Amino acid sequence: MTAHDIQSLIQAVTRWIHVVAAILWVGQTYLLIFFERHLKAQAGATGDVKGVPWMIHGGGYYYLEKQGFSASTPDKLHWFMWEATVTWITGAILMGMIYYKESMLIEMDEMSYAVGAISGLGVIIGGFLLYSIVLRTPIARNGFAMVVLGLIGVAAAHYGLLQVQSTRSAFVHVGAAVGTIMAFNVLMGIIPAQKKILKDLAEGRDPDPRVTALGPLRSKHNSYLAIPLVFIMTSNHYPTISYGSDHSTWILTGIVAIGFGAAAWLRGR
């Protein structure tokens, strides 16, 4: 087995893990949205019961009960974080192996590899930092404003990357930036906020309203970003209608807009 064969095997296994983890992550996101959409008040319920959905699967009924946070934390809690963690880590490995190690970052001699690499990483990291700043402003509570700002950000990031990277790399780097926002929302926003709320309640303090509000908002944004991200990260299979088009920036922006619309429909009212 040659060195190239070994590298191809590592890429194949990493991509396999990446896709499976992403399926689990997106699937859980929309499963929980399904729960929220189908919560119904239960007659005679005691405690802080928000509602219950009934489901049927695998030869039996499933009965779930949603309760508000309380000082008495259950002994065993399932944290939905590892799917996002594995998806992001494997995605980062693939980006490094394909676009940085194999020099697919640039496609013309006059392009600088260093500039392309710095710009790509800047969009990925800077995208999350900029999003985090906006998240703490009144704009984040306005759905229409966030959609418009998101579309402008996607178009600007892609057009800028096209000047210093290959067309394929620019397309995928925008997807990587969106995926980073989603993963870091979970790892640096949602999970820490939930743990802080539980700690405050256990110690007899009222949770900070700003903390309790940001977690659900991040989750909502993730559900909107997931749909367009799936297409962006599979766009290399359709070059003529994605990154290879002369109108790739408009196409990418349109894909994100359609994805937002599809997510709004899946979420329901």
Protein backbone atom coordinates (compact mmCIF):
# COMPACT_ATOMS: atom_id res chain seq x y z
CA MET A 1 0.00 0.00 0.00
CA THR A 2 1.45 3.33 -1.08
CA ALA A 3 1.46 6.57 0.90
CA HIS A 4 -1.26 7.90 -1.42
CA ASP A 5 -3.42 4.85 -0.69
CA ILE A 6 -3.01 5.35 3.05
CA GLN A 7 -3.94 9.01 2.75
CA SER A 8 -7.00 8.12 0.66
CA LEU A 9 -8.05 5.55 3.25
CA ILE A 10 -7.73 8.09 6.07
CA GLN A 11 -9.77 10.60 4.07
CA ALA A 12 -12.46 8.03 3.31
CA VAL A 13 -12.83 6.92 6.94
CA THR A 14 -12.78 10.52 8.19
CA ARG A 15 -15.44 11.56 5.66
CA TRP A 16 -17.55 8.55 6.61
CA ILE A 17 -17.44 9.51 10.29
CA HIS A 18 -18.07 13.15 9.38
CA VAL A 19 -21.21 12.36 7.36
CA VAL A 20 -22.63 9.94 9.95
CA ALA A 21 -22.06 12.42 12.79
CA ALA A 22 -23.66 15.20 10.73
CA ILE A 23 -26.71 13.01 10.02
CA LEU A 24 -27.12 12.33 13.73
CA TRP A 25 -26.67 16.02 14.58
CA VAL A 26 -29.14 17.40 12.04
CA GLY A 27 -31.56 14.55 12.72
CA GLN A 28 -31.57 15.24 16.45
CA THR A 29 -32.04 18.95 15.80
CA TYR A 30 -35.21 18.39 13.83
CA LEU A 31 -36.42 15.58 16.08
CA LEU A 32 -36.39 18.00 19.01
CA ILE A 33 -38.17 20.58 16.86
CA PHE A 34 -40.79 17.92 16.12
CA PHE A 35 -41.21 17.40 19.87
CA GLU A 36 -41.71 21.12 20.42
CA ARG A 37 -44.27 21.39 17.60
CA HIS A 38 -46.34 18.51 18.97
CA LEU A 39 -46.35 19.30 22.67
CA LYS A 40 -49.86 19.05 24.08
CA ALA A 41 -51.08 19.96 27.53
CA GLN A 42 -51.71 16.89 29.67
CA ALA A 43 -54.80 16.88 31.90
CA GLY A 44 -53.96 16.42 35.55
CA ALA A 45 -50.22 16.97 35.05
CA THR A 46 -48.31 17.96 38.16
CA GLY A 47 -45.12 19.98 38.51
CA ASP A 48 -43.67 22.18 35.81
CA VAL A 49 -44.85 20.06 32.88
CA LYS A 50 -44.83 22.03 29.62
CA GLY A 51 -46.53 19.36 27.54
CA VAL A 52 -46.25 15.84 26.16
CA PRO A 53 -46.10 14.26 22.68
CA TRP A 54 -47.13 10.69 21.93
CA MET A 55 -45.34 8.75 19.17
CA ILE A 56 -45.32 5.25 17.75
CA HIS A 57 -42.20 3.50 16.49
CA GLY A 58 -40.59 0.10 16.64
CA GLY A 59 -43.70 -1.76 17.78
CA GLY A 60 -44.62 0.46 20.72
CA TYR A 61 -45.65 3.88 21.99
CA TYR A 62 -43.25 6.54 23.18
CA TYR A 63 -44.42 9.03 25.78
CA LEU A 64 -42.23 12.05 26.43
CA GLU A 65 -42.70 14.81 28.94
CA LYS A 66 -41.12 18.24 28.76
CA GLN A 67 -40.41 20.00 32.04
CA GLY A 68 -38.87 23.36 32.80
CA PHE A 69 -35.47 23.64 34.47
CA SER A 70 -35.60 23.11 38.22
CA ALA A 71 -33.25 22.85 41.18
CA SER A 72 -33.66 19.06 41.30
CA THR A 73 -31.54 17.89 38.37
CA PRO A 74 -32.12 14.31 37.18
CA ASP A 75 -29.35 11.84 37.96
CA LYS A 76 -28.71 11.13 34.28
CA LEU A 77 -28.88 13.82 31.60
CA HIS A 78 -28.14 13.22 27.92
CA TRP A 79 -26.24 16.17 26.49
CA PHE A 80 -26.55 16.66 22.74
CA MET A 81 -23.02 17.82 22.05
CA TRP A 82 -20.85 14.96 20.82
CA GLU A 83 -22.48 14.82 17.38
CA ALA A 84 -21.59 18.48 16.79
CA THR A 85 -18.10 17.97 18.20
CA VAL A 86 -17.29 14.98 16.00
CA THR A 87 -18.78 16.65 12.92
CA TRP A 88 -16.65 19.77 13.36
CA ILE A 89 -13.40 17.93 14.21
CA THR A 90 -13.65 15.55 11.26
CA GLY A 91 -14.64 18.44 9.00
CA ALA A 92 -11.58 20.38 10.11
CA ILE A 93 -9.36 17.36 9.41
CA LEU A 94 -10.81 16.98 5.92
CA MET A 95 -10.36 20.69 5.19
CA GLY A 96 -6.73 20.45 6.21
CA MET A 97 -6.03 17.28 4.21
CA ILE A 98 -7.82 18.34 1.04
CA TYR A 99 -7.53 22.11 0.75
CA TYR A 100 -4.36 22.91 2.70
CA LYS A 101 -2.07 19.91 2.45
CA GLU A 102 -2.91 19.10 -1.17
CA SER A 103 -2.76 22.76 -2.25
CA MET A 104 -6.27 22.89 -3.74
CA LEU A 105 -6.65 26.27 -2.10
CA ILE A 106 -5.60 28.30 -5.11
CA GLU A 107 -5.94 27.74 -8.87
CA MET A 108 -3.90 30.48 -10.54
CA ASP A 109 -0.18 31.20 -10.32
CA GLU A 110 -0.75 34.83 -9.40
CA MET A 111 -2.66 33.77 -6.29
CA SER A 112 -0.74 33.59 -3.02
CA TYR A 113 -1.14 30.38 -1.02
CA ALA A 114 -0.48 32.24 2.23
CA VAL A 115 -3.09 34.91 1.48
CA GLY A 116 -5.61 32.25 0.50
CA ALA A 117 -5.00 30.25 3.67
CA ILE A 118 -5.15 33.26 5.99
CA SER A 119 -8.30 34.54 4.29
CA GLY A 120 -9.99 31.14 4.53
CA LEU A 121 -9.22 30.72 8.21
CA GLY A 122 -10.18 34.35 8.80
CA VAL A 123 -13.63 33.82 7.28
CA ILE A 124 -14.17 30.65 9.34
CA ILE A 125 -13.09 32.12 12.67
CA GLY A 126 -14.17 35.69 11.99
CA GLY A 127 -17.61 34.51 10.91
CA PHE A 128 -18.31 33.05 14.33
CA LEU A 129 -16.88 36.07 16.15
CA LEU A 130 -19.00 38.47 14.11
CA TYR A 131 -22.08 36.30 14.64
CA SER A 132 -21.42 36.27 18.40
CA ILE A 133 -21.33 40.07 18.44
CA VAL A 134 -24.58 40.38 16.47
CA LEU A 135 -26.21 37.78 18.71
CA ARG A 136 -25.99 40.19 21.63
CA THR A 137 -27.71 43.03 19.78
CA PRO A 138 -31.43 43.66 19.14
CA ILE A 139 -30.88 42.54 15.53
CA ALA A 140 -30.68 38.92 16.67
CA ARG A 141 -34.30 39.07 17.89
CA ASN A 142 -35.53 40.21 14.50
CA GLY A 143 -35.81 37.17 12.24
CA PHE A 144 -36.06 39.13 8.99
CA ALA A 145 -33.05 41.27 9.85
CA MET A 146 -30.98 38.17 10.67
CA VAL A 147 -31.92 36.56 7.36
CA VAL A 148 -30.92 39.67 5.39
CA LEU A 149 -27.70 40.08 7.35
CA GLY A 150 -26.89 36.40 6.89
CA LEU A 151 -27.39 36.55 3.13
CA ILE A 152 -25.23 39.66 2.85
CA GLY A 153 -22.54 38.01 4.95
CA VAL A 154 -22.54 34.85 2.83
CA ALA A 155 -22.35 36.80 -0.43
CA ALA A 156 -19.59 39.11 0.83
CA ALA A 157 -17.51 36.27 2.27
CA HIS A 158 -17.76 34.20 -0.90
CA TYR A 159 -17.02 37.07 -3.26
CA GLY A 160 -14.00 38.05 -1.19
CA LEU A 161 -12.65 34.49 -1.08
CA LEU A 162 -13.04 34.16 -4.85
CA GLN A 163 -10.36 36.82 -5.25
CA VAL A 164 -7.73 34.78 -3.36
CA GLN A 165 -8.85 31.13 -3.58
CA SER A 166 -10.01 28.58 -6.12
CA THR A 167 -13.72 28.58 -6.91
CA ARG A 168 -14.26 25.23 -5.21
CA SER A 169 -12.30 26.22 -2.11
CA ALA A 170 -14.17 29.52 -1.75
CA PHE A 171 -17.53 27.71 -1.90
CA VAL A 172 -16.54 25.11 0.68
CA HIS A 173 -14.92 27.64 3.02
CA VAL A 174 -18.23 29.50 3.30
CA GLY A 175 -19.82 26.18 4.25
CA ALA A 176 -17.06 25.61 6.80
CA ALA A 177 -17.77 29.03 8.30
CA VAL A 178 -21.48 28.19 8.60
CA GLY A 179 -20.66 24.79 10.13
CA THR A 180 -18.30 26.44 12.62
CA ILE A 181 -21.02 28.84 13.72
CA MET A 182 -23.36 25.88 14.27
CA ALA A 183 -20.82 23.72 16.12
CA PHE A 184 -19.52 26.55 18.30
CA ASN A 185 -23.12 27.54 19.05
CA VAL A 186 -23.46 24.13 20.67
CA LEU A 187 -20.05 23.83 22.31
CA MET A 188 -19.48 27.43 23.38
CA GLY A 189 -23.05 28.70 23.71
CA ILE A 190 -25.89 26.24 24.25
CA ILE A 191 -24.20 23.63 26.46
CA PRO A 192 -22.34 26.11 28.74
CA ALA A 193 -25.55 28.16 29.11
CA GLN A 194 -27.56 25.10 30.10
CA LYS A 195 -24.93 24.08 32.65
CA LYS A 196 -24.87 27.59 34.11
CA ILE A 197 -28.68 27.60 34.43
CA LEU A 198 -28.66 24.26 36.25
CA LYS A 199 -25.85 25.40 38.53
CA ASP A 200 -27.65 28.64 39.43
CA LEU A 201 -30.87 26.78 40.22
CA ALA A 202 -29.05 24.15 42.29
CA GLU A 203 -27.41 26.92 44.34
CA GLY A 204 -30.67 28.81 44.84
CA ARG A 205 -30.07 31.65 42.38
CA ASP A 206 -32.34 32.86 39.60
CA PRO A 207 -30.70 32.24 36.21
CA ASP A 208 -29.57 35.28 34.25
CA PRO A 209 -32.36 36.06 31.71
CA ARG A 210 -29.73 36.83 29.06
CA VAL A 211 -28.31 33.34 29.45
CA THR A 212 -31.70 31.64 29.31
CA ALA A 213 -32.63 33.57 26.15
CA LEU A 214 -29.48 32.98 24.10
CA GLY A 215 -29.56 29.17 24.22
CA PRO A 216 -32.92 28.75 22.44
CA LEU A 217 -31.97 31.52 19.99
CA ARG A 218 -28.74 29.74 19.05
CA SER A 219 -30.68 26.48 18.59
CA LYS A 220 -33.16 28.23 16.33
CA HIS A 221 -30.38 29.71 14.21
CA ASN A 222 -28.72 26.28 13.92
CA SER A 223 -31.93 24.77 12.58
CA TYR A 224 -31.99 27.42 9.84
CA LEU A 225 -28.31 27.05 8.95
CA ALA A 226 -28.36 23.25 8.75
CA ILE A 227 -30.45 22.97 5.57
CA PRO A 228 -28.31 25.17 3.25
CA LEU A 229 -25.12 23.77 4.80
CA VAL A 230 -25.96 20.26 3.62
CA PHE A 231 -26.04 21.43 -0.01
CA ILE A 232 -22.94 23.61 0.28
CA MET A 233 -20.84 20.74 1.63
CA THR A 234 -21.99 18.40 -1.16
CA SER A 235 -21.65 21.00 -3.92
CA ASN A 236 -18.44 19.46 -5.28
CA HIS A 237 -20.62 16.81 -6.91
CA TYR A 238 -22.40 19.49 -8.97
CA PRO A 239 -19.71 21.96 -10.09
CA THR A 240 -21.56 23.42 -13.07
CA ILE A 241 -24.49 24.58 -10.95
CA SER A 242 -22.50 25.58 -7.87
CA TYR A 243 -18.89 26.68 -7.48
CA GLY A 244 -18.04 26.28 -11.18
CA SER A 245 -20.66 28.72 -12.40
CA ASP A 246 -19.82 32.27 -13.43
CA HIS A 247 -22.61 33.34 -11.08
CA SER A 248 -21.50 31.22 -8.12
CA THR A 249 -21.93 34.02 -5.56
CA TRP A 250 -25.54 34.54 -6.58
CA ILE A 251 -26.13 30.79 -6.66
CA LEU A 252 -24.65 30.33 -3.19
CA THR A 253 -26.74 33.18 -1.79
CA GLY A 254 -29.84 31.72 -3.43
CA ILE A 255 -29.12 28.27 -1.97
CA VAL A 256 -28.87 29.77 1.50
CA ALA A 257 -32.11 31.71 1.00
CA ILE A 258 -33.93 28.57 -0.20
CA GLY A 259 -32.48 26.66 2.75
CA PHE A 260 -33.78 29.28 5.17
CA GLY A 261 -37.22 29.00 3.59
CA ALA A 262 -37.18 25.20 3.81
CA ALA A 263 -36.12 25.38 7.46
CA ALA A 264 -38.96 27.81 8.23
CA TRP A 265 -41.41 25.37 6.66
CA LEU A 266 -39.99 22.39 8.56
CA ARG A 267 -40.05 24.30 11.83
CA GLY A 268 -43.67 25.34 11.39
CA ARG A 269 -45.11 28.21 13.31
